[in-house]
Amino acid sequence: MPYPETTDAFTVTDKKNWSTFKRQEVPLKKFEDYDVDIAIDACGVCASDVHTISGGWGEDIPLPLCVGHEVIGKVIKVGSKVKDLKVGDRAGVGAQIGADLTCDNCKADQENYCPNQIDTYGAKYPDGTVSQGGYSSHIRAHEYFTFKIPDGLDTALAAPMLCAGLTTYSPLKRLGAGPGKKIAIVGLGGLGHFAVLWSVALGAETYVLSHSPSKRDDALKLGAKDFIVTKDEKWAESWKFKFDVILNCADATDKFNLSDYFSTLKVNGTFHMVGFPDKPLPQIMAQAFAPNGCYMGASHIGNRPEMIEMLELAAKSNIKSWVETIKISEAGCKEAVERVYKGDNVRFRLTLVGFDEVFGKRA
């Protein structure tokens, strides 16, 4: 049956053919009092989508699976207890679609670390229904994980902010990025370009570290003060004790000489990861942390207050993602995920659009 029982989705049905999509109806969870239904207009294509369906992160995935967790569309139905959204609003859903909202983490605005969190796609609801993502006609989400999109933001440009944007904004904010701080961003890609935009907007002196000299101009256009090429063996010598925070947005950390990166941190500085490689991190001695007492960590997306604050900052500061659009279809989905997988000249995000052309006007 069609919506409201199902969503019309572009799905992966075979992990061996992970970039081949089949259009089919897949079930939506039962509609409940706090739920919001969105007719989707755009969905960003995240590297997480590719890591998931290609098996790069090694998990078993339920099939058929519709990925996509950077979703924006029009609210077409709200539950009886929904307070902050109404039919007709433009709203978005990111990488998390549920949590128990009762545990200590949730009560402390740390719902992105809830032990009972539900990912936007590929996770099981208590009733056994598998969550399905945004390469589809509709999405059903709890109101807590559904966000009104400010009027000043373009839909196709705002969609990638809901995962990639939040994933970089949250650690920058929590680690104190702002005036007087020196922040280095490793990797100028889908995540990294957001990190530069946020760091600059927050008032930090921002640098980009990259092995690709060709990205210098882009880094400076995004607002970076300087661009540091890490291909040279002794690149770190001139930057020792320089940065308060290094935000690693690259997914090739398994190839890094981490000691070089650590050496550029100030005393008690932080090397923080949001780019997750398919392969294990390089082996490292504990002594590598001792010369400056530095720390190493990672984080998972962000919380609701950070999402709202980030979207408001983007609207107020007229921050625009660097986005290329692709019309949604079986071929369009295939092109998008394969280009992300290959790193095929993506500057710096892809957003699927043209949903009305495929699914029609939905109400």
Protein backbone atom coordinates (compact mmCIF):
# COMPACT_ATOMS: atom_id res chain seq x y z
CA MET A 1 0.00 0.00 0.00
CA PRO A 2 1.20 3.59 -0.60
CA TYR A 3 1.66 6.39 1.96
CA PRO A 4 0.70 6.63 4.84
CA GLU A 5 1.52 2.94 5.33
CA THR A 6 4.66 3.02 3.17
CA THR A 7 7.15 5.34 1.52
CA ASP A 8 8.04 5.14 -2.16
CA ALA A 9 11.78 4.60 -1.92
CA PHE A 10 14.95 4.06 -3.90
CA THR A 11 16.49 1.10 -2.09
CA VAL A 12 19.61 -1.03 -2.08
CA THR A 13 18.66 -4.71 -2.21
CA ASP A 14 22.07 -6.41 -2.50
CA LYS A 15 25.29 -5.39 -0.74
CA LYS A 16 27.36 -6.87 -3.58
CA ASN A 17 25.62 -4.41 -5.91
CA TRP A 18 25.54 -1.60 -3.39
CA SER A 19 25.23 1.23 -5.93
CA THR A 20 22.28 -0.31 -7.77
CA PHE A 21 18.97 1.12 -6.58
CA LYS A 22 15.49 -0.33 -6.97
CA ARG A 23 12.36 1.75 -6.56
CA GLN A 24 9.83 0.08 -4.28
CA GLU A 25 7.44 0.68 -1.38
CA VAL A 26 8.90 0.05 2.08
CA PRO A 27 6.96 0.16 5.40
CA LEU A 28 6.79 3.16 7.69
CA LYS A 29 6.45 2.74 11.43
CA LYS A 30 3.02 3.16 12.99
CA PHE A 31 2.08 6.85 13.25
CA GLU A 32 2.03 8.02 16.87
CA ASP A 33 1.17 11.16 18.85
CA TYR A 34 4.61 12.80 18.63
CA ASP A 35 5.26 11.90 15.00
CA VAL A 36 5.70 14.24 12.05
CA ASP A 37 5.34 13.18 8.41
CA ILE A 38 7.35 15.01 5.77
CA ALA A 39 6.92 14.94 1.99
CA ILE A 40 10.57 15.09 0.98
CA ASP A 41 11.90 17.77 -1.40
CA ALA A 42 15.65 17.22 -1.05
CA CYS A 43 18.11 14.81 0.55
CA GLY A 44 21.84 15.24 0.92
CA VAL A 45 24.15 12.38 0.01
CA CYS A 46 26.42 11.64 2.96
CA ALA A 47 29.59 9.57 3.05
CA SER A 48 27.86 7.61 5.82
CA ASP A 49 25.33 6.42 3.23
CA VAL A 50 28.17 5.04 1.14
CA HIS A 51 30.08 3.50 4.07
CA THR A 52 26.85 1.76 5.11
CA ILE A 53 25.71 0.27 1.81
CA SER A 54 29.21 -0.59 0.56
CA GLY A 55 30.05 -2.51 3.75
CA GLY A 56 32.94 -0.18 4.56
CA TRP A 57 31.97 0.00 8.22
CA GLY A 58 31.37 -3.73 8.35
CA GLU A 59 27.86 -3.81 9.76
CA ASP A 60 25.16 -6.12 8.57
CA ILE A 61 22.40 -4.01 7.12
CA PRO A 62 18.72 -4.84 6.76
CA LEU A 63 17.61 -5.15 3.14
CA PRO A 64 15.94 -3.59 1.32
CA LEU A 65 17.34 -0.34 2.70
CA CYS A 66 16.71 3.27 1.75
CA VAL A 67 19.54 5.49 2.96
CA GLY A 68 19.71 9.27 3.29
CA HIS A 69 19.71 11.30 6.50
CA GLU A 70 19.95 14.91 5.36
CA VAL A 71 16.26 15.35 4.62
CA ILE A 72 14.18 18.49 4.01
CA GLY A 73 10.57 18.73 2.89
CA LYS A 74 7.08 19.90 3.74
CA VAL A 75 5.24 18.81 6.87
CA ILE A 76 2.01 17.09 5.76
CA LYS A 77 0.84 15.47 9.02
CA VAL A 78 1.49 15.98 12.73
CA GLY A 79 0.57 13.91 15.76
CA SER A 80 -1.83 15.12 18.42
CA LYS A 81 0.99 15.99 20.87
CA VAL A 82 3.29 17.80 18.42
CA LYS A 83 3.83 21.40 19.57
CA ASP A 84 6.51 23.09 17.49
CA LEU A 85 5.58 22.12 13.92
CA LYS A 86 2.44 22.42 11.85
CA VAL A 87 1.25 21.23 8.46
CA GLY A 88 2.86 23.33 5.74
CA ASP A 89 6.11 24.05 7.60
CA ARG A 90 9.42 23.35 5.90
CA ALA A 91 11.26 20.92 8.15
CA GLY A 92 14.28 18.66 8.19
CA VAL A 93 15.53 15.43 9.73
CA GLY A 94 19.18 14.55 10.32
CA ALA A 95 21.03 11.35 11.15
CA GLN A 96 19.03 10.52 14.29
CA ILE A 97 15.32 9.87 14.31
CA GLY A 98 14.66 8.54 17.81
CA ALA A 99 15.85 8.03 21.40
CA ASP A 100 14.20 7.03 24.65
CA LEU A 101 14.26 10.70 25.83
CA THR A 102 14.14 9.45 29.43
CA CYS A 103 17.72 8.38 30.22
CA ASP A 104 20.28 10.60 31.94
CA ASN A 105 21.97 11.41 28.64
CA CYS A 106 18.73 12.53 27.02
CA LYS A 107 17.78 14.63 30.04
CA ALA A 108 21.17 16.36 29.78
CA ASP A 109 20.73 17.26 26.08
CA GLN A 110 23.02 14.42 25.10
CA GLU A 111 20.39 12.44 23.20
CA ASN A 112 22.89 11.79 20.41
CA TYR A 113 24.61 9.48 22.93
CA CYS A 114 21.42 7.78 24.10
CA PRO A 115 21.99 4.02 24.44
CA ASN A 116 18.59 3.50 22.83
CA GLN A 117 18.98 5.94 19.96
CA ILE A 118 17.45 5.13 16.58
CA ASP A 119 19.33 6.01 13.40
CA THR A 120 17.38 7.60 10.58
CA TYR A 121 17.83 4.53 8.43
CA GLY A 122 18.68 0.89 9.01
CA ALA A 123 17.62 0.79 12.68
CA LYS A 124 14.78 -1.15 14.25
CA TYR A 125 11.92 0.52 16.06
CA PRO A 126 10.46 -1.26 19.09
CA ASP A 127 7.69 -2.64 16.86
CA GLY A 128 10.28 -4.23 14.56
CA THR A 129 9.85 -1.79 11.68
CA VAL A 130 13.14 -0.77 10.06
CA SER A 131 13.75 2.97 9.74
CA GLN A 132 14.06 4.12 6.14
CA GLY A 133 15.83 7.24 4.93
CA GLY A 134 15.45 10.15 2.59
CA TYR A 135 16.00 8.77 -0.91
CA SER A 136 12.22 8.42 -0.87
CA SER A 137 8.88 10.15 -1.05
CA HIS A 138 8.15 10.49 2.70
CA ILE A 139 9.78 10.23 6.08
CA ARG A 140 8.18 9.81 9.51
CA ALA A 141 10.04 11.18 12.52
CA HIS A 142 9.56 12.06 16.17
CA GLU A 143 9.09 15.81 16.58
CA TYR A 144 12.19 16.05 18.80
CA PHE A 145 14.32 15.04 15.82
CA THR A 146 12.48 17.21 13.30
CA PHE A 147 13.63 20.79 12.79
CA LYS A 148 11.97 23.82 11.26
CA ILE A 149 14.24 25.24 8.56
CA PRO A 150 14.77 29.02 8.77
CA ASP A 151 13.33 31.00 5.87
CA GLY A 152 16.71 32.34 4.80
CA LEU A 153 18.14 28.93 3.89
CA ASP A 154 17.84 27.35 0.46
CA THR A 155 16.51 23.78 0.68
CA ALA A 156 19.22 22.11 -1.43
CA LEU A 157 21.99 23.97 0.40
CA ALA A 158 20.55 23.43 3.87
CA ALA A 159 20.00 19.67 3.53
CA PRO A 160 23.67 18.68 4.03
CA MET A 161 23.81 20.81 7.18
CA LEU A 162 21.52 18.32 8.91
CA CYS A 163 24.27 15.71 9.20
CA ALA A 164 27.61 16.98 7.88
CA GLY A 165 26.94 20.46 9.20
CA LEU A 166 25.91 19.34 12.67
CA THR A 167 28.70 16.75 12.87
CA THR A 168 31.28 19.52 12.54
CA TYR A 169 29.43 22.32 14.36
CA SER A 170 28.89 20.34 17.56
CA PRO A 171 32.54 19.56 18.39
CA LEU A 172 33.69 23.02 17.38
CA LYS A 173 31.17 24.55 19.76
CA ARG A 174 31.90 22.11 22.57
CA LEU A 175 35.67 22.58 22.21
CA GLY A 176 35.37 26.35 22.45
CA ALA A 177 35.94 27.56 18.88
CA GLY A 178 35.64 31.33 18.89
CA PRO A 179 37.62 34.57 19.10
CA GLY A 180 41.17 34.05 20.31
CA LYS A 181 41.26 30.36 19.34
CA LYS A 182 43.29 28.82 16.53
CA ILE A 183 41.49 25.93 14.85
CA ALA A 184 42.94 23.61 12.20
CA ILE A 185 40.65 21.62 9.91
CA VAL A 186 42.09 18.45 8.38
CA GLY A 187 40.59 17.47 5.04
CA LEU A 188 38.69 19.89 2.82
CA GLY A 189 35.78 17.77 1.70
CA GLY A 190 32.11 17.39 2.54
CA LEU A 191 32.71 17.62 6.27
CA GLY A 192 35.77 19.83 6.18
CA HIS A 193 34.25 22.65 4.17
CA PHE A 194 31.47 22.93 6.76
CA ALA A 195 34.03 22.92 9.55
CA VAL A 196 35.82 25.88 7.95
CA LEU A 197 32.55 27.78 7.45
CA TRP A 198 31.48 27.26 11.09
CA SER A 199 34.90 27.95 12.59
CA VAL A 200 35.18 31.23 10.71
CA ALA A 201 31.59 32.22 11.57
CA LEU A 202 32.27 31.52 15.25
CA GLY A 203 35.21 33.92 15.13
CA ALA A 204 38.15 31.50 15.36
CA GLU A 205 41.38 31.92 13.42
CA THR A 206 41.01 29.02 11.02
CA TYR A 207 43.55 26.96 9.10
CA VAL A 208 43.21 24.06 6.68
CA LEU A 209 45.55 21.06 6.64
CA SER A 210 45.41 19.00 3.45
CA HIS A 211 47.53 16.65 1.36
CA SER A 212 46.01 18.21 -1.81
CA PRO A 213 47.72 21.49 -2.76
CA SER A 214 45.01 22.08 -5.37
CA LYS A 215 42.50 22.89 -2.61
CA ARG A 216 44.32 26.01 -1.41
CA ASP A 217 42.12 28.47 -3.31
CA ASP A 218 38.93 26.82 -2.07
CA ALA A 219 40.16 26.95 1.53
CA LEU A 220 40.90 30.65 1.30
CA LYS A 221 37.54 31.37 -0.38
CA LEU A 222 35.82 29.61 2.53
CA GLY A 223 37.57 31.99 4.92
CA ALA A 224 40.66 30.11 6.12
CA LYS A 225 43.61 32.27 7.14
CA ASP A 226 46.18 29.85 5.74
CA PHE A 227 46.48 26.51 3.96
CA ILE A 228 49.05 23.94 5.09
CA VAL A 229 50.15 21.15 2.76
CA THR A 230 50.83 17.93 4.67
CA LYS A 231 52.47 15.98 1.84
CA ASP A 232 55.95 17.17 2.80
CA GLU A 233 57.70 14.98 5.35
CA LYS A 234 58.58 17.91 7.62
CA TRP A 235 55.36 19.90 7.19
CA ALA A 236 54.71 20.07 10.95
CA GLU A 237 58.05 21.67 11.89
CA SER A 238 56.84 25.23 11.31
CA TRP A 239 53.55 24.73 13.18
CA LYS A 240 54.52 23.25 16.54
CA PHE A 241 52.36 24.29 19.52
CA LYS A 242 50.14 26.37 17.21
CA PHE A 243 46.56 25.07 17.40
CA ASP A 244 44.04 24.83 20.21
CA VAL A 245 42.03 22.22 18.29
CA ILE A 246 42.57 20.07 15.24
CA LEU A 247 39.25 18.86 13.82
CA ASN A 248 39.97 15.86 11.63
CA CYS A 249 37.36 15.61 8.87
CA ALA A 250 39.35 13.20 6.70
CA ASP A 251 38.55 9.50 6.42
CA ALA A 252 42.14 8.46 5.65
CA THR A 253 43.39 8.75 9.24
CA ASP A 254 44.75 5.20 9.01
CA LYS A 255 47.50 6.65 6.78
CA PHE A 256 48.43 9.56 9.08
CA ASN A 257 51.57 9.94 11.13
CA LEU A 258 49.54 11.09 14.10
CA SER A 259 52.58 12.27 16.05
CA ASP A 260 53.14 15.00 13.48
CA TYR A 261 49.59 16.27 13.90
CA PHE A 262 49.78 16.08 17.70
CA SER A 263 52.98 18.15 17.67
CA THR A 264 51.12 21.14 16.22
CA LEU A 265 48.72 21.31 19.17
CA LYS A 266 49.12 23.70 22.06
CA VAL A 267 49.59 22.27 25.55
CA ASN A 268 46.44 20.30 26.38
CA GLY A 269 45.14 20.79 22.86
CA THR A 270 42.70 18.34 21.25
CA PHE A 271 42.86 16.23 18.11
CA HIS A 272 39.21 15.48 17.47
CA MET A 273 37.83 13.14 14.81
CA VAL A 274 34.57 13.33 12.91
CA GLY A 275 35.84 11.62 9.77
CA PHE A 276 35.82 7.86 10.33
CA PRO A 277 37.99 5.64 8.10
CA ASP A 278 37.02 2.13 7.03
CA LYS A 279 40.34 0.82 8.37
CA PRO A 280 41.75 0.84 11.94
CA LEU A 281 43.76 3.79 13.19
CA PRO A 282 47.55 3.45 13.08
CA GLN A 283 49.24 1.95 16.10
CA ILE A 284 50.60 4.65 18.37
CA MET A 285 52.60 4.79 21.57
CA ALA A 286 51.11 6.49 24.61
CA GLN A 287 54.22 8.64 24.75
CA ALA A 288 53.04 10.48 21.61
CA PHE A 289 50.58 12.40 23.79
CA ALA A 290 53.17 13.46 26.37
CA PRO A 291 55.18 16.30 24.72
CA ASN A 292 52.22 18.68 24.94
CA GLY A 293 49.73 16.75 27.07
CA CYS A 294 47.33 16.59 24.14
CA TYR A 295 44.09 14.66 23.86
CA MET A 296 42.45 12.60 21.13
CA GLY A 297 38.73 12.03 20.78
CA ALA A 298 35.73 11.70 18.49
CA SER A 299 32.05 12.57 18.48
CA HIS A 300 28.72 11.55 17.03
CA ILE A 301 26.55 14.16 15.25
CA GLY A 302 25.16 16.69 17.78
CA ASN A 303 22.15 17.45 19.94
CA ARG A 304 18.90 19.31 19.31
CA PRO A 305 19.99 22.69 20.79
CA GLU A 306 23.14 22.60 18.65
CA MET A 307 21.13 21.82 15.51
CA ILE A 308 18.79 24.76 16.12
CA GLU A 309 21.69 27.10 16.93
CA MET A 310 23.61 25.98 13.82
CA LEU A 311 20.67 26.56 11.48
CA GLU A 312 20.05 30.00 13.00
CA LEU A 313 23.75 30.87 12.60
CA ALA A 314 23.67 29.77 8.95
CA ALA A 315 20.61 31.92 8.24
CA LYS A 316 21.89 34.96 10.17
CA SER A 317 25.38 34.82 8.65
CA ASN A 318 24.16 33.85 5.15
CA ILE A 319 26.32 30.72 5.21
CA LYS A 320 25.96 28.64 2.06
CA SER A 321 27.06 25.05 1.60
CA TRP A 322 28.97 24.27 -1.57
CA VAL A 323 26.50 21.90 -3.19
CA GLU A 324 25.90 20.22 -6.55
CA THR A 325 22.40 18.89 -7.18
CA ILE A 326 21.41 15.63 -8.87
CA LYS A 327 17.84 14.70 -9.76
CA ILE A 328 16.60 11.70 -7.83
CA SER A 329 16.06 8.47 -9.78
CA GLU A 330 17.60 5.02 -9.82
CA ALA A 331 20.35 6.39 -12.06
CA GLY A 332 20.70 9.58 -10.03
CA CYS A 333 21.14 7.71 -6.76
CA LYS A 334 23.71 5.45 -8.39
CA GLU A 335 25.67 8.39 -9.77
CA ALA A 336 25.61 10.17 -6.43
CA VAL A 337 26.87 7.33 -4.23
CA GLU A 338 29.51 6.26 -6.75
CA ARG A 339 30.86 9.78 -7.02
CA VAL A 340 31.09 10.09 -3.23
CA TYR A 341 32.78 6.67 -3.04
CA LYS A 342 35.38 7.64 -5.65
CA GLY A 343 35.77 11.21 -4.43
CA ASP A 344 34.91 12.14 -8.01
CA ASN A 345 35.39 15.92 -8.03
CA VAL A 346 32.67 16.53 -5.44
CA ARG A 347 32.92 20.16 -4.25
CA PHE A 348 31.80 19.61 -1.61
CA ARG A 349 28.37 18.00 -1.18
CA LEU A 350 25.73 16.41 -3.39
CA THR A 351 22.00 16.90 -2.83
CA LEU A 352 19.27 14.86 -4.50
CA VAL A 353 16.43 17.08 -5.76
CA GLY A 354 13.48 16.90 -8.15
CA PHE A 355 11.32 14.81 -5.84
CA ASP A 356 8.03 16.26 -7.15
CA GLU A 357 8.97 15.19 -10.67
CA VAL A 358 9.32 11.58 -9.54
CA PHE A 359 6.80 11.24 -6.71
CA GLY A 360 4.31 13.95 -7.68
CA LYS A 361 2.88 16.60 -5.39
CA ARG A 362 2.28 14.99 -2.03
CA ALA A 363 -0.14 16.19 0.63
